Amino acid sequence: MDYLKVEPMEGEVRDGYYVQPLLKRIWAVQLDMLKDIDKICRRHRIRYFGCFGTLLGAVRHHGFIPWDDDLDLAMVRDDYERFRYYAKTELPKGWVIKEDYPTWICLLNSNEASLDQKFLDKYHGCPYITGIDIFSVDHVPQHKEDEELWKNMFQAVLPLCVNWDYPEDHEEWKGKSKWTYLEEVEEITGYHFDRQSPLREQLYFLADRIAAMYWDDGSDSMTRLTRLINDPGYHIPISCFKKTIRVPFENTTIPILEDYDLICRMDYGDNYMTPIKIEEHDYLKKQIGALREGFENAGRTLPESFDMKFDDIM
């Protein structure tokens, strides 16, 4: 692969952490992808805002957290639904919409890593699948009894949705047939599954519809339902979602909620402005490992441009 041409990209130290060149390539790809997402959102008046590590990075670093390798966005449910609708036809050619988890989609620049020169030229010399996560923020029911029922239904479907493709003897099923679990979900939700059609897709659909149940209920708070299950107090006042502001983010700007301080405190605690190193995502390690193995099997060494060391703190 010596014939491949990859433009050099310099690493740098941020907050005592060495940002490696490959990570900066990944960031560059994500920033390009963000521009395409922003175009769709502006065209259709869809509001989005940075969340999780991207929100924290925008507030604390005016860009990516130095060790973060992805970009997280969120939309309230009505905008999330409209974005999914338009994304199917308006995303750039070659992009993939991955829907593996309810209330969350991942937009990928490709469905496979590539060492094709055109691919490398287009994506800043990064051969790996790179993506942006988009999460839905859902309305919480007004009444506590409804909220408990809402959470219980979602909790019943979620494990099946995530684990359905595991074999019957997998530990996730805890000694009970997944078909028994499916029947229990039907009894709890009143939903009937078509056994002749792919069940994984039906489970995803049901879980996502449950999350969106109170879309027009006039609720006074919103939440990330997957977070609410483990944190019963995770209610965000609906007033927080009325206004977004644009703030600097690397070489561009990104919208965040104007009341970002409340969100950051809820997600990361009162000391959210103090950097704490966390583990990188496994998806990047797996891709690098697979490409490194391919080179080694061919008696070659993975070029530094495509490699990265983890837990590299100065």
C-alpha atoms as a PDB file:
ATOM      1  CA  MET A   1       0.000   0.000   0.000  1.00  0.00           C
ATOM      2  CA  ASP A   2       3.003   2.291  -0.344  1.00  0.00           C
ATOM      3  CA  TYR A   3       1.428   3.892  -3.387  1.00  0.00           C
ATOM      4  CA  LEU A   4      -1.351   5.446  -1.296  1.00  0.00           C
ATOM      5  CA  LYS A   5      -1.072   9.198  -0.904  1.00  0.00           C
ATOM      6  CA  VAL A   6      -2.263  10.678   2.366  1.00  0.00           C
ATOM      7  CA  GLU A   7      -1.888  14.344   3.209  1.00  0.00           C
ATOM      8  CA  PRO A   8       0.060  14.847   6.456  1.00  0.00           C
ATOM      9  CA  MET A   9      -1.851  15.915   9.539  1.00  0.00           C
ATOM     10  CA  GLU A  10      -0.131  17.066  12.699  1.00  0.00           C
ATOM     11  CA  GLY A  11      -0.993  15.910  16.188  1.00  0.00           C
ATOM     12  CA  GLU A  12      -1.151  18.377  19.059  1.00  0.00           C
ATOM     13  CA  VAL A  13      -1.363  18.508  22.847  1.00  0.00           C
ATOM     14  CA  ARG A  14      -4.656  19.725  24.333  1.00  0.00           C
ATOM     15  CA  ASP A  15      -5.218  19.872  28.080  1.00  0.00           C
ATOM     16  CA  GLY A  16      -2.263  17.567  28.645  1.00  0.00           C
ATOM     17  CA  TYR A  17      -3.536  14.988  26.173  1.00  0.00           C
ATOM     18  CA  TYR A  18      -1.815  14.234  22.894  1.00  0.00           C
ATOM     19  CA  VAL A  19      -4.366  14.311  20.088  1.00  0.00           C
ATOM     20  CA  GLN A  20      -2.976  11.865  17.546  1.00  0.00           C
ATOM     21  CA  PRO A  21      -3.088  12.613  13.799  1.00  0.00           C
ATOM     22  CA  LEU A  22      -5.611   9.840  13.061  1.00  0.00           C
ATOM     23  CA  LEU A  23      -8.033  11.237  15.639  1.00  0.00           C
ATOM     24  CA  LYS A  24      -7.770  14.643  13.994  1.00  0.00           C
ATOM     25  CA  ARG A  25      -8.567  13.009  10.637  1.00  0.00           C
ATOM     26  CA  ILE A  26     -11.674  11.474  12.197  1.00  0.00           C
ATOM     27  CA  TRP A  27     -12.670  14.866  13.586  1.00  0.00           C
ATOM     28  CA  ALA A  28     -12.227  16.427  10.147  1.00  0.00           C
ATOM     29  CA  VAL A  29     -14.532  13.824   8.601  1.00  0.00           C
ATOM     30  CA  GLN A  30     -17.169  14.422  11.271  1.00  0.00           C
ATOM     31  CA  LEU A  31     -17.032  18.176  10.809  1.00  0.00           C
ATOM     32  CA  ASP A  32     -17.617  17.701   7.077  1.00  0.00           C
ATOM     33  CA  MET A  33     -20.530  15.393   7.851  1.00  0.00           C
ATOM     34  CA  LEU A  34     -21.927  17.975  10.264  1.00  0.00           C
ATOM     35  CA  LYS A  35     -22.068  20.508   7.432  1.00  0.00           C
ATOM     36  CA  ASP A  36     -24.205  18.137   5.360  1.00  0.00           C
ATOM     37  CA  ILE A  37     -26.527  17.453   8.294  1.00  0.00           C
ATOM     38  CA  ASP A  38     -26.789  21.174   8.966  1.00  0.00           C
ATOM     39  CA  LYS A  39     -27.836  21.807   5.345  1.00  0.00           C
ATOM     40  CA  ILE A  40     -30.742  19.380   5.655  1.00  0.00           C
ATOM     41  CA  CYS A  41     -31.793  20.856   8.972  1.00  0.00           C
ATOM     42  CA  ARG A  42     -31.683  24.434   7.686  1.00  0.00           C
ATOM     43  CA  ARG A  43     -33.595  23.457   4.545  1.00  0.00           C
ATOM     44  CA  HIS A  44     -36.443  21.948   6.529  1.00  0.00           C
ATOM     45  CA  ARG A  45     -36.294  24.133   9.651  1.00  0.00           C
ATOM     46  CA  ILE A  46     -35.259  21.233  11.850  1.00  0.00           C
ATOM     47  CA  ARG A  47     -33.649  22.111  15.166  1.00  0.00           C
ATOM     48  CA  TYR A  48     -30.716  20.099  16.456  1.00  0.00           C
ATOM     49  CA  PHE A  49     -28.170  20.659  19.196  1.00  0.00           C
ATOM     50  CA  GLY A  50     -24.965  19.153  20.523  1.00  0.00           C
ATOM     51  CA  CYS A  51     -25.359  16.744  23.408  1.00  0.00           C
ATOM     52  CA  PHE A  52     -23.261  14.521  25.687  1.00  0.00           C
ATOM     53  CA  GLY A  53     -19.531  14.784  24.935  1.00  0.00           C
ATOM     54  CA  THR A  54     -20.106  17.180  22.045  1.00  0.00           C
ATOM     55  CA  LEU A  55     -21.991  19.615  24.273  1.00  0.00           C
ATOM     56  CA  LEU A  56     -19.324  19.302  26.946  1.00  0.00           C
ATOM     57  CA  GLY A  57     -16.592  19.798  24.367  1.00  0.00           C
ATOM     58  CA  ALA A  58     -18.293  22.872  22.936  1.00  0.00           C
ATOM     59  CA  VAL A  59     -18.659  24.475  26.362  1.00  0.00           C
ATOM     60  CA  ARG A  60     -15.316  23.437  27.844  1.00  0.00           C
ATOM     61  CA  HIS A  61     -12.951  23.151  24.869  1.00  0.00           C
ATOM     62  CA  HIS A  62     -14.720  25.072  22.092  1.00  0.00           C
ATOM     63  CA  GLY A  63     -14.428  21.877  20.059  1.00  0.00           C
ATOM     64  CA  PHE A  64     -13.990  18.166  20.604  1.00  0.00           C
ATOM     65  CA  ILE A  65     -12.991  16.820  23.991  1.00  0.00           C
ATOM     66  CA  PRO A  66      -9.347  15.912  23.253  1.00  0.00           C
ATOM     67  CA  TRP A  67      -9.904  12.154  23.687  1.00  0.00           C
ATOM     68  CA  ASP A  68     -13.404  11.980  22.170  1.00  0.00           C
ATOM     69  CA  ASP A  69     -13.776  10.156  18.867  1.00  0.00           C
ATOM     70  CA  ASP A  70     -17.383  10.848  17.961  1.00  0.00           C
ATOM     71  CA  LEU A  71     -19.875  13.663  17.541  1.00  0.00           C
ATOM     72  CA  ASP A  72     -23.248  13.547  19.334  1.00  0.00           C
ATOM     73  CA  LEU A  73     -26.359  15.485  18.339  1.00  0.00           C
ATOM     74  CA  ALA A  74     -29.902  15.475  19.690  1.00  0.00           C
ATOM     75  CA  MET A  75     -33.330  16.560  18.492  1.00  0.00           C
ATOM     76  CA  VAL A  76     -36.693  16.757  20.209  1.00  0.00           C
ATOM     77  CA  ARG A  77     -39.012  14.043  18.965  1.00  0.00           C
ATOM     78  CA  ASP A  78     -40.887  15.985  16.271  1.00  0.00           C
ATOM     79  CA  ASP A  79     -37.645  17.263  14.719  1.00  0.00           C
ATOM     80  CA  TYR A  80     -36.091  13.803  15.071  1.00  0.00           C
ATOM     81  CA  GLU A  81     -38.975  12.236  13.130  1.00  0.00           C
ATOM     82  CA  ARG A  82     -38.802  14.811  10.363  1.00  0.00           C
ATOM     83  CA  PHE A  83     -35.034  14.491  10.086  1.00  0.00           C
ATOM     84  CA  ARG A  84     -35.259  10.710   9.698  1.00  0.00           C
ATOM     85  CA  TYR A  85     -37.819  11.225   6.936  1.00  0.00           C
ATOM     86  CA  TYR A  86     -35.719  13.657   4.910  1.00  0.00           C
ATOM     87  CA  ALA A  87     -32.422  11.900   5.620  1.00  0.00           C
ATOM     88  CA  LYS A  88     -33.553   8.860   3.651  1.00  0.00           C
ATOM     89  CA  THR A  89     -33.384  10.812   0.399  1.00  0.00           C
ATOM     90  CA  GLU A  90     -31.189  13.840   1.093  1.00  0.00           C
ATOM     91  CA  LEU A  91     -28.052  12.487   2.724  1.00  0.00           C
ATOM     92  CA  PRO A  92     -24.954  12.379   0.518  1.00  0.00           C
ATOM     93  CA  LYS A  93     -24.450   9.327  -1.682  1.00  0.00           C
ATOM     94  CA  GLY A  94     -22.739   6.485   0.134  1.00  0.00           C
ATOM     95  CA  TRP A  95     -23.921   7.449   3.614  1.00  0.00           C
ATOM     96  CA  VAL A  96     -25.614   4.789   5.731  1.00  0.00           C
ATOM     97  CA  ILE A  97     -28.392   5.260   8.292  1.00  0.00           C
ATOM     98  CA  LYS A  98     -27.854   2.739  11.066  1.00  0.00           C
ATOM     99  CA  GLU A  99     -30.841   2.064  13.317  1.00  0.00           C
ATOM    100  CA  ASP A 100     -29.783  -0.537  15.856  1.00  0.00           C
ATOM    101  CA  TYR A 101     -31.069   1.069  19.021  1.00  0.00           C
ATOM    102  CA  PRO A 102     -34.415   2.790  19.751  1.00  0.00           C
ATOM    103  CA  THR A 103     -34.352   6.588  20.171  1.00  0.00           C
ATOM    104  CA  TRP A 104     -30.977   6.752  18.423  1.00  0.00           C
ATOM    105  CA  ILE A 105     -29.672   6.665  14.856  1.00  0.00           C
ATOM    106  CA  CYS A 106     -26.100   6.712  13.628  1.00  0.00           C
ATOM    107  CA  LEU A 107     -25.185   8.315  10.314  1.00  0.00           C
ATOM    108  CA  LEU A 108     -22.136   6.672   8.764  1.00  0.00           C
ATOM    109  CA  ASN A 109     -20.051   7.938   5.874  1.00  0.00           C
ATOM    110  CA  SER A 110     -19.733   4.362   4.535  1.00  0.00           C
ATOM    111  CA  ASN A 111     -20.687   0.794   5.333  1.00  0.00           C
ATOM    112  CA  GLU A 112     -17.099  -0.436   5.184  1.00  0.00           C
ATOM    113  CA  ALA A 113     -13.553   0.781   5.715  1.00  0.00           C
ATOM    114  CA  SER A 114     -11.671   1.509   2.499  1.00  0.00           C
ATOM    115  CA  LEU A 115      -8.132   2.096   1.271  1.00  0.00           C
ATOM    116  CA  ASP A 116      -9.378   3.326  -2.076  1.00  0.00           C
ATOM    117  CA  GLN A 117      -7.506   6.490  -2.990  1.00  0.00           C
ATOM    118  CA  LYS A 118     -10.706   8.392  -3.851  1.00  0.00           C
ATOM    119  CA  PHE A 119     -12.144   7.465  -0.454  1.00  0.00           C
ATOM    120  CA  LEU A 120      -8.995   8.638   1.322  1.00  0.00           C
ATOM    121  CA  ASP A 121      -8.924  11.873  -0.663  1.00  0.00           C
ATOM    122  CA  LYS A 122     -12.553  12.568   0.205  1.00  0.00           C
ATOM    123  CA  TYR A 123     -12.238  11.744   3.893  1.00  0.00           C
ATOM    124  CA  HIS A 124      -8.986  13.424   4.909  1.00  0.00           C
ATOM    125  CA  GLY A 125      -6.920  10.254   4.659  1.00  0.00           C
ATOM    126  CA  CYS A 126      -9.124   8.362   7.127  1.00  0.00           C
ATOM    127  CA  PRO A 127      -9.901   4.821   5.885  1.00  0.00           C
ATOM    128  CA  TYR A 128     -12.337   3.959   8.671  1.00  0.00           C
ATOM    129  CA  ILE A 129     -16.112   4.087   8.926  1.00  0.00           C
ATOM    130  CA  THR A 130     -16.883   7.369  10.645  1.00  0.00           C
ATOM    131  CA  GLY A 131     -20.231   8.514  11.987  1.00  0.00           C
ATOM    132  CA  ILE A 132     -22.373  10.966  13.893  1.00  0.00           C
ATOM    133  CA  ASP A 133     -24.906   9.888  16.515  1.00  0.00           C
ATOM    134  CA  ILE A 134     -28.327  11.562  16.675  1.00  0.00           C
ATOM    135  CA  PHE A 135     -30.548  10.984  19.712  1.00  0.00           C
ATOM    136  CA  SER A 136     -34.203  11.728  20.260  1.00  0.00           C
ATOM    137  CA  VAL A 137     -35.418  13.637  23.301  1.00  0.00           C
ATOM    138  CA  ASP A 138     -38.914  12.519  24.279  1.00  0.00           C
ATOM    139  CA  HIS A 139     -41.833  13.958  26.204  1.00  0.00           C
ATOM    140  CA  VAL A 140     -42.421  12.587  29.701  1.00  0.00           C
ATOM    141  CA  PRO A 141     -46.063  11.759  30.579  1.00  0.00           C
ATOM    142  CA  GLN A 142     -47.767  14.208  32.904  1.00  0.00           C
ATOM    143  CA  HIS A 143     -48.918  11.621  35.428  1.00  0.00           C
ATOM    144  CA  LYS A 144     -46.586   9.408  37.447  1.00  0.00           C
ATOM    145  CA  GLU A 145     -48.676   6.287  36.814  1.00  0.00           C
ATOM    146  CA  ASP A 146     -48.425   6.833  33.059  1.00  0.00           C
ATOM    147  CA  GLU A 147     -44.686   7.414  33.354  1.00  0.00           C
ATOM    148  CA  GLU A 148     -44.174   4.121  35.175  1.00  0.00           C
ATOM    149  CA  LEU A 149     -46.213   2.226  32.587  1.00  0.00           C
ATOM    150  CA  TRP A 150     -44.297   3.985  29.800  1.00  0.00           C
ATOM    151  CA  LYS A 151     -40.927   3.003  31.276  1.00  0.00           C
ATOM    152  CA  ASN A 152     -42.038  -0.564  31.986  1.00  0.00           C
ATOM    153  CA  MET A 153     -43.199  -1.119  28.413  1.00  0.00           C
ATOM    154  CA  PHE A 154     -39.961   0.274  27.011  1.00  0.00           C
ATOM    155  CA  GLN A 155     -37.875  -1.810  29.414  1.00  0.00           C
ATOM    156  CA  ALA A 156     -39.752  -4.940  28.365  1.00  0.00           C
ATOM    157  CA  VAL A 157     -39.042  -4.413  24.667  1.00  0.00           C
ATOM    158  CA  LEU A 158     -35.530  -2.952  24.806  1.00  0.00           C
ATOM    159  CA  PRO A 159     -33.587  -6.134  25.744  1.00  0.00           C
ATOM    160  CA  LEU A 160     -35.323  -8.085  22.990  1.00  0.00           C
ATOM    161  CA  CYS A 161     -34.628  -5.308  20.498  1.00  0.00           C
ATOM    162  CA  VAL A 162     -30.929  -5.218  21.364  1.00  0.00           C
ATOM    163  CA  ASN A 163     -30.342  -8.948  21.855  1.00  0.00           C
ATOM    164  CA  TRP A 164     -32.713 -10.618  19.410  1.00  0.00           C
ATOM    165  CA  ASP A 165     -29.983 -11.923  17.096  1.00  0.00           C
ATOM    166  CA  TYR A 166     -28.207 -13.781  19.927  1.00  0.00           C
ATOM    167  CA  PRO A 167     -28.660 -17.582  19.900  1.00  0.00           C
ATOM    168  CA  GLU A 168     -31.078 -19.249  22.295  1.00  0.00           C
ATOM    169  CA  ASP A 169     -28.301 -20.401  24.636  1.00  0.00           C
ATOM    170  CA  HIS A 170     -26.789 -16.918  25.045  1.00  0.00           C
ATOM    171  CA  GLU A 171     -26.469 -15.683  28.619  1.00  0.00           C
ATOM    172  CA  GLU A 172     -28.619 -12.630  27.828  1.00  0.00           C
ATOM    173  CA  TRP A 173     -31.702 -14.875  27.786  1.00  0.00           C
ATOM    174  CA  LYS A 174     -31.046 -16.044  31.360  1.00  0.00           C
ATOM    175  CA  GLY A 175     -32.215 -19.581  30.704  1.00  0.00           C
ATOM    176  CA  LYS A 176     -35.561 -18.585  29.201  1.00  0.00           C
ATOM    177  CA  SER A 177     -36.510 -18.811  25.538  1.00  0.00           C
ATOM    178  CA  LYS A 178     -36.490 -15.500  23.710  1.00  0.00           C
ATOM    179  CA  TRP A 179     -39.809 -16.577  22.211  1.00  0.00           C
ATOM    180  CA  THR A 180     -41.260 -16.635  25.712  1.00  0.00           C
ATOM    181  CA  TYR A 181     -39.982 -13.102  26.220  1.00  0.00           C
ATOM    182  CA  LEU A 182     -41.613 -12.123  22.932  1.00  0.00           C
ATOM    183  CA  GLU A 183     -44.969 -13.481  24.086  1.00  0.00           C
ATOM    184  CA  GLU A 184     -44.613 -11.568  27.355  1.00  0.00           C
ATOM    185  CA  VAL A 185     -43.990  -8.342  25.429  1.00  0.00           C
ATOM    186  CA  GLU A 186     -47.129  -8.972  23.374  1.00  0.00           C
ATOM    187  CA  GLU A 187     -49.118  -9.401  26.577  1.00  0.00           C
ATOM    188  CA  ILE A 188     -47.681  -6.244  28.173  1.00  0.00           C
ATOM    189  CA  THR A 189     -47.991  -3.980  25.136  1.00  0.00           C
ATOM    190  CA  GLY A 190     -50.921  -5.466  23.194  1.00  0.00           C
ATOM    191  CA  TYR A 191     -48.739  -5.498  20.081  1.00  0.00           C
ATOM    192  CA  HIS A 192     -48.805  -8.592  17.861  1.00  0.00           C
ATOM    193  CA  PHE A 193     -45.608  -9.578  16.048  1.00  0.00           C
ATOM    194  CA  ASP A 194     -45.686 -11.123  12.595  1.00  0.00           C
ATOM    195  CA  ARG A 195     -43.599 -14.275  13.003  1.00  0.00           C
ATOM    196  CA  GLN A 196     -43.220 -14.541   9.220  1.00  0.00           C
ATOM    197  CA  SER A 197     -41.436 -11.177   8.935  1.00  0.00           C
ATOM    198  CA  PRO A 198     -38.073 -10.065  10.364  1.00  0.00           C
ATOM    199  CA  LEU A 199     -38.610  -9.630  14.100  1.00  0.00           C
ATOM    200  CA  ARG A 200     -35.576  -7.464  14.828  1.00  0.00           C
ATOM    201  CA  GLU A 201     -37.088  -4.626  12.770  1.00  0.00           C
ATOM    202  CA  GLN A 202     -40.500  -5.037  14.398  1.00  0.00           C
ATOM    203  CA  LEU A 203     -38.974  -4.868  17.873  1.00  0.00           C
ATOM    204  CA  TYR A 204     -37.076  -1.709  16.970  1.00  0.00           C
ATOM    205  CA  PHE A 205     -40.251  -0.152  15.593  1.00  0.00           C
ATOM    206  CA  LEU A 206     -42.277  -0.997  18.696  1.00  0.00           C
ATOM    207  CA  ALA A 207     -39.637   0.285  21.136  1.00  0.00           C
ATOM    208  CA  ASP A 208     -39.279   3.521  19.209  1.00  0.00           C
ATOM    209  CA  ARG A 209     -43.057   4.028  19.056  1.00  0.00           C
ATOM    210  CA  ILE A 210     -43.302   3.487  22.797  1.00  0.00           C
ATOM    211  CA  ALA A 211     -40.657   6.165  23.357  1.00  0.00           C
ATOM    212  CA  ALA A 212     -42.676   8.592  21.206  1.00  0.00           C
ATOM    213  CA  MET A 213     -46.051   7.849  22.860  1.00  0.00           C
ATOM    214  CA  TYR A 214     -46.461  11.201  24.617  1.00  0.00           C
ATOM    215  CA  TRP A 215     -45.309  13.392  21.768  1.00  0.00           C
ATOM    216  CA  ASP A 216     -48.462  15.577  21.838  1.00  0.00           C
ATOM    217  CA  ASP A 217     -49.410  15.142  25.485  1.00  0.00           C
ATOM    218  CA  GLY A 218     -48.580  18.661  26.590  1.00  0.00           C
ATOM    219  CA  SER A 219     -45.981  17.421  29.049  1.00  0.00           C
ATOM    220  CA  ASP A 220     -43.825  19.887  30.973  1.00  0.00           C
ATOM    221  CA  SER A 221     -40.584  17.861  30.877  1.00  0.00           C
ATOM    222  CA  MET A 222     -38.521  15.834  28.450  1.00  0.00           C
ATOM    223  CA  THR A 223     -35.913  13.100  28.760  1.00  0.00           C
ATOM    224  CA  ARG A 224     -33.645  10.548  27.151  1.00  0.00           C
ATOM    225  CA  LEU A 225     -35.754   7.488  27.916  1.00  0.00           C
ATOM    226  CA  THR A 226     -32.777   5.129  28.064  1.00  0.00           C
ATOM    227  CA  ARG A 227     -31.281   7.399  30.749  1.00  0.00           C
ATOM    228  CA  LEU A 228     -34.572   7.792  32.627  1.00  0.00           C
ATOM    229  CA  ILE A 229     -34.823   4.041  33.158  1.00  0.00           C
ATOM    230  CA  ASN A 230     -31.744   4.103  35.390  1.00  0.00           C
ATOM    231  CA  ASP A 231     -32.141   7.658  36.664  1.00  0.00           C
ATOM    232  CA  PRO A 232     -35.793   8.328  37.646  1.00  0.00           C
ATOM    233  CA  GLY A 233     -35.075  11.996  38.255  1.00  0.00           C
ATOM    234  CA  TYR A 234     -33.797  12.674  34.752  1.00  0.00           C
ATOM    235  CA  HIS A 235     -36.559  15.147  33.851  1.00  0.00           C
ATOM    236  CA  ILE A 236     -35.447  18.180  31.855  1.00  0.00           C
ATOM    237  CA  PRO A 237     -37.874  21.151  31.927  1.00  0.00           C
ATOM    238  CA  ILE A 238     -39.422  21.597  28.508  1.00  0.00           C
ATOM    239  CA  SER A 239     -38.519  25.288  28.694  1.00  0.00           C
ATOM    240  CA  CYS A 240     -34.858  24.281  28.236  1.00  0.00           C
ATOM    241  CA  PHE A 241     -35.587  23.274  24.650  1.00  0.00           C
ATOM    242  CA  LYS A 242     -37.139  26.545  23.527  1.00  0.00           C
ATOM    243  CA  LYS A 243     -33.921  28.243  22.418  1.00  0.00           C
ATOM    244  CA  THR A 244     -30.574  27.198  20.994  1.00  0.00           C
ATOM    245  CA  ILE A 245     -27.462  29.292  20.552  1.00  0.00           C
ATOM    246  CA  ARG A 246     -24.488  28.784  18.242  1.00  0.00           C
ATOM    247  CA  VAL A 247     -21.092  28.500  19.858  1.00  0.00           C
ATOM    248  CA  PRO A 248     -17.566  27.987  18.457  1.00  0.00           C
ATOM    249  CA  PHE A 249     -16.658  24.391  17.723  1.00  0.00           C
ATOM    250  CA  GLU A 250     -13.261  23.711  16.114  1.00  0.00           C
ATOM    251  CA  ASN A 251     -13.315  25.535  12.758  1.00  0.00           C
ATOM    252  CA  THR A 252     -17.073  26.109  12.736  1.00  0.00           C
ATOM    253  CA  THR A 253     -19.992  26.633  15.129  1.00  0.00           C
ATOM    254  CA  ILE A 254     -22.550  24.253  16.556  1.00  0.00           C
ATOM    255  CA  PRO A 255     -25.980  24.857  18.106  1.00  0.00           C
ATOM    256  CA  ILE A 256     -26.421  23.963  21.776  1.00  0.00           C
ATOM    257  CA  LEU A 257     -29.282  24.587  24.181  1.00  0.00           C
ATOM    258  CA  GLU A 258     -29.107  28.045  25.702  1.00  0.00           C
ATOM    259  CA  ASP A 259     -29.639  26.485  29.130  1.00  0.00           C
ATOM    260  CA  TYR A 260     -26.628  24.225  28.633  1.00  0.00           C
ATOM    261  CA  ASP A 261     -25.438  24.640  32.222  1.00  0.00           C
ATOM    262  CA  LEU A 262     -28.443  22.732  33.571  1.00  0.00           C
ATOM    263  CA  ILE A 263     -27.948  19.929  31.040  1.00  0.00           C
ATOM    264  CA  CYS A 264     -24.215  19.627  31.750  1.00  0.00           C
ATOM    265  CA  ARG A 265     -24.823  19.510  35.497  1.00  0.00           C
ATOM    266  CA  MET A 266     -27.439  16.792  35.053  1.00  0.00           C
ATOM    267  CA  ASP A 267     -25.170  14.746  32.787  1.00  0.00           C
ATOM    268  CA  TYR A 268     -21.751  15.329  34.359  1.00  0.00           C
ATOM    269  CA  GLY A 269     -22.199  16.921  37.760  1.00  0.00           C
ATOM    270  CA  ASP A 270     -21.384  20.381  39.088  1.00  0.00           C
ATOM    271  CA  ASN A 271     -17.673  20.065  38.223  1.00  0.00           C
ATOM    272  CA  TYR A 272     -18.256  19.422  34.538  1.00  0.00           C
ATOM    273  CA  MET A 273     -15.674  22.059  33.566  1.00  0.00           C
ATOM    274  CA  THR A 274     -12.911  19.891  35.076  1.00  0.00           C
ATOM    275  CA  PRO A 275     -11.648  17.435  32.421  1.00  0.00           C
ATOM    276  CA  ILE A 276     -11.763  13.738  33.367  1.00  0.00           C
ATOM    277  CA  LYS A 277     -10.338  11.190  30.917  1.00  0.00           C
ATOM    278  CA  ILE A 278     -12.768   8.419  29.973  1.00  0.00           C
ATOM    279  CA  GLU A 279     -12.424   5.265  27.870  1.00  0.00           C
ATOM    280  CA  GLU A 280     -12.505   5.525  24.081  1.00  0.00           C
ATOM    281  CA  HIS A 281     -15.216   3.801  22.053  1.00  0.00           C
ATOM    282  CA  ASP A 282     -14.573   0.191  21.043  1.00  0.00           C
ATOM    283  CA  TYR A 283     -15.753   0.653  17.455  1.00  0.00           C
ATOM    284  CA  LEU A 284     -12.593   2.549  16.520  1.00  0.00           C
ATOM    285  CA  LYS A 285     -10.291   0.070  18.267  1.00  0.00           C
ATOM    286  CA  LYS A 286     -11.960  -2.791  16.409  1.00  0.00           C
ATOM    287  CA  GLN A 287     -11.582  -1.130  13.001  1.00  0.00           C
ATOM    288  CA  ILE A 288      -7.932  -0.279  13.578  1.00  0.00           C
ATOM    289  CA  GLY A 289      -7.278  -3.778  14.905  1.00  0.00           C
ATOM    290  CA  ALA A 290      -8.885  -5.387  11.865  1.00  0.00           C
ATOM    291  CA  LEU A 291      -6.876  -3.269   9.413  1.00  0.00           C
ATOM    292  CA  ARG A 292      -3.663  -3.840  11.367  1.00  0.00           C
ATOM    293  CA  GLU A 293      -4.260  -7.598  11.256  1.00  0.00           C
ATOM    294  CA  GLY A 294      -4.839  -7.456   7.511  1.00  0.00           C
ATOM    295  CA  PHE A 295      -1.522  -5.724   6.977  1.00  0.00           C
ATOM    296  CA  GLU A 296       0.284  -8.136   9.293  1.00  0.00           C
ATOM    297  CA  ASN A 297      -1.158 -11.133   7.445  1.00  0.00           C
ATOM    298  CA  ALA A 298       0.275  -9.662   4.269  1.00  0.00           C
ATOM    299  CA  GLY A 299       3.666  -9.258   5.943  1.00  0.00           C
ATOM    300  CA  ARG A 300       3.308  -5.495   6.157  1.00  0.00           C
ATOM    301  CA  THR A 301       3.110  -2.887   8.886  1.00  0.00           C
ATOM    302  CA  LEU A 302       0.077  -0.651   9.200  1.00  0.00           C
ATOM    303  CA  PRO A 303       1.134   2.868   8.122  1.00  0.00           C
ATOM    304  CA  GLU A 304       1.242   5.410  10.928  1.00  0.00           C
ATOM    305  CA  SER A 305      -1.347   7.507   9.085  1.00  0.00           C
ATOM    306  CA  PHE A 306      -3.924   4.759   9.693  1.00  0.00           C
ATOM    307  CA  ASP A 307      -2.833   3.740  13.194  1.00  0.00           C
ATOM    308  CA  MET A 308      -3.423   5.069  16.665  1.00  0.00           C
ATOM    309  CA  LYS A 309      -2.282   4.301  20.196  1.00  0.00           C
ATOM    310  CA  PHE A 310      -4.881   4.293  22.945  1.00  0.00           C
ATOM    311  CA  ASP A 311      -4.621   5.660  26.493  1.00  0.00           C
ATOM    312  CA  ASP A 312      -1.906   8.008  25.252  1.00  0.00           C
ATOM    313  CA  ILE A 313      -1.823  10.748  27.888  1.00  0.00           C
ATOM    314  CA  MET A 314       1.111  13.135  28.221  1.00  0.00           C
END
